[in-house]
Protein backbone atom coordinates (compact mmCIF):
# COMPACT_ATOMS: atom_id res chain seq x y z
CA MET A 1 -7.54 -15.36 -1.12
CA GLU A 2 -6.06 -15.36 -4.55
CA HIS A 3 -5.40 -11.98 -6.48
CA LYS A 4 -5.17 -11.82 -10.24
CA TYR A 5 -2.15 -11.81 -12.11
CA GLU A 6 -0.73 -12.08 -15.84
CA ARG A 7 2.71 -13.03 -17.22
CA GLU A 8 3.81 -11.52 -20.50
CA TYR A 9 7.33 -10.73 -22.10
CA GLY A 10 9.39 -11.58 -18.81
CA CYS A 11 7.08 -9.52 -16.74
CA LEU A 12 4.63 -10.28 -13.93
CA ILE A 13 1.60 -8.04 -13.80
CA LEU A 14 -0.30 -8.12 -10.36
CA LYS A 15 -3.63 -6.89 -10.13
CA MET A 16 -3.99 -4.79 -6.85
CA PRO A 17 -7.27 -5.44 -4.69
CA ARG A 18 -9.76 -2.74 -4.22
CA GLU A 19 -8.64 -2.23 -0.64
CA LEU A 20 -4.99 -2.68 -0.04
CA ASP A 21 -4.96 -2.83 3.84
CA HIS A 22 -3.42 -4.93 6.50
CA HIS A 23 -5.85 -7.68 5.76
CA GLN A 24 -4.81 -8.15 2.16
CA ALA A 25 -1.28 -7.13 2.48
CA GLU A 26 0.01 -10.38 4.22
CA PHE A 27 -1.87 -12.43 1.41
CA LEU A 28 -0.61 -10.24 -1.45
CA LYS A 29 3.04 -10.41 -0.11
CA GLU A 30 2.96 -14.27 0.23
CA GLU A 31 1.31 -14.61 -3.08
CA ALA A 32 3.66 -12.28 -4.90
CA ASP A 33 6.66 -13.79 -3.49
CA GLY A 34 5.37 -17.34 -4.56
CA LEU A 35 4.62 -16.09 -8.15
CA LEU A 36 8.24 -14.64 -8.36
CA VAL A 37 9.66 -17.96 -7.34
CA LYS A 38 7.32 -19.97 -9.63
CA TYR A 39 7.75 -17.82 -12.57
CA PRO A 40 11.31 -16.23 -12.48
CA VAL A 41 10.64 -12.99 -14.23
CA ARG A 42 12.87 -9.76 -14.17
CA ASN A 43 10.15 -7.43 -14.02
CA LEU A 44 7.04 -6.45 -11.88
CA ILE A 45 4.13 -4.36 -12.43
CA PHE A 46 1.49 -3.41 -10.00
CA ASP A 47 -1.72 -2.69 -11.55
CA PHE A 48 -3.94 -0.25 -9.39
CA SER A 49 -6.84 -0.08 -11.77
CA ASP A 50 -9.37 -1.31 -9.18
CA THR A 51 -7.76 0.12 -6.02
CA GLN A 52 -9.50 2.74 -3.97
CA PHE A 53 -7.66 2.58 -0.77
CA MET A 54 -4.10 1.88 0.35
CA ASP A 55 -2.63 2.02 3.96
CA SER A 56 0.96 1.90 4.95
CA SER A 57 0.91 -2.16 5.06
CA GLY A 58 0.16 -1.89 1.17
CA ILE A 59 3.17 0.40 0.78
CA GLY A 60 5.36 -2.10 2.57
CA VAL A 61 4.33 -4.78 0.34
CA ILE A 62 5.38 -2.64 -2.67
CA ILE A 63 8.68 -1.75 -1.13
CA GLY A 64 9.56 -5.39 -0.07
CA ARG A 65 8.78 -6.67 -3.63
CA CYS A 66 10.73 -3.81 -5.25
CA LYS A 67 13.78 -4.70 -3.28
CA ASN A 68 13.56 -8.39 -4.33
CA VAL A 69 12.89 -7.78 -7.92
CA ARG A 70 15.74 -5.06 -8.15
CA PHE A 71 18.19 -7.25 -6.44
CA SER A 72 17.77 -9.56 -9.41
CA GLY A 73 18.36 -6.82 -11.79
CA GLY A 74 14.87 -6.16 -12.61
CA TYR A 75 12.51 -3.07 -12.53
CA VAL A 76 9.22 -2.36 -10.94
CA LYS A 77 6.33 -0.03 -12.24
CA ALA A 78 2.92 0.95 -11.11
CA ILE A 79 0.18 1.57 -13.61
CA HIS A 80 -3.52 2.95 -13.56
CA LEU A 81 -3.21 4.79 -10.17
CA ASN A 82 -6.09 7.05 -9.38
CA GLN A 83 -5.83 10.46 -7.78
CA GLN A 84 -5.99 9.03 -4.14
CA ILE A 85 -3.40 6.38 -4.92
CA GLN A 86 -0.98 8.93 -6.67
CA ARG A 87 -1.36 11.02 -3.56
CA ILE A 88 -0.17 8.10 -1.28
CA PHE A 89 2.68 7.48 -3.58
CA LYS A 90 3.80 10.92 -3.44
CA ILE A 91 3.44 11.60 0.08
CA SER A 92 5.16 8.17 0.98
CA GLY A 93 8.04 8.85 -1.48
CA LEU A 94 7.22 5.71 -3.62
CA MET A 95 7.14 8.03 -6.80
CA LYS A 96 10.92 8.42 -6.22
CA ILE A 97 11.73 4.80 -6.38
CA ILE A 98 9.00 3.30 -8.73
CA GLU A 99 8.26 4.27 -12.29
CA ILE A 100 4.71 5.44 -12.60
CA ASP A 101 2.86 4.87 -15.77
């Protein structure tokens, strides 16, 4: 399954799926890692505009990509979080390690 993405100004923007559960997480992880190798960008943005649900495997995907990008000196940001996803970010501690817009 292919996810949507954009590249602009040294940034990779990943459009997150409607449901980021364990089924989607493995595909997303592999695709994100492949895109980061194919397009060596410094910064990664997760776009949650369509996401309605996320479980712990989705949190793992975000943390793993965050470590990879920060290792190379880049930053990670999350955008367009609805109330449910904001709550998950807050409870999981993601808000402390990822910039939210």
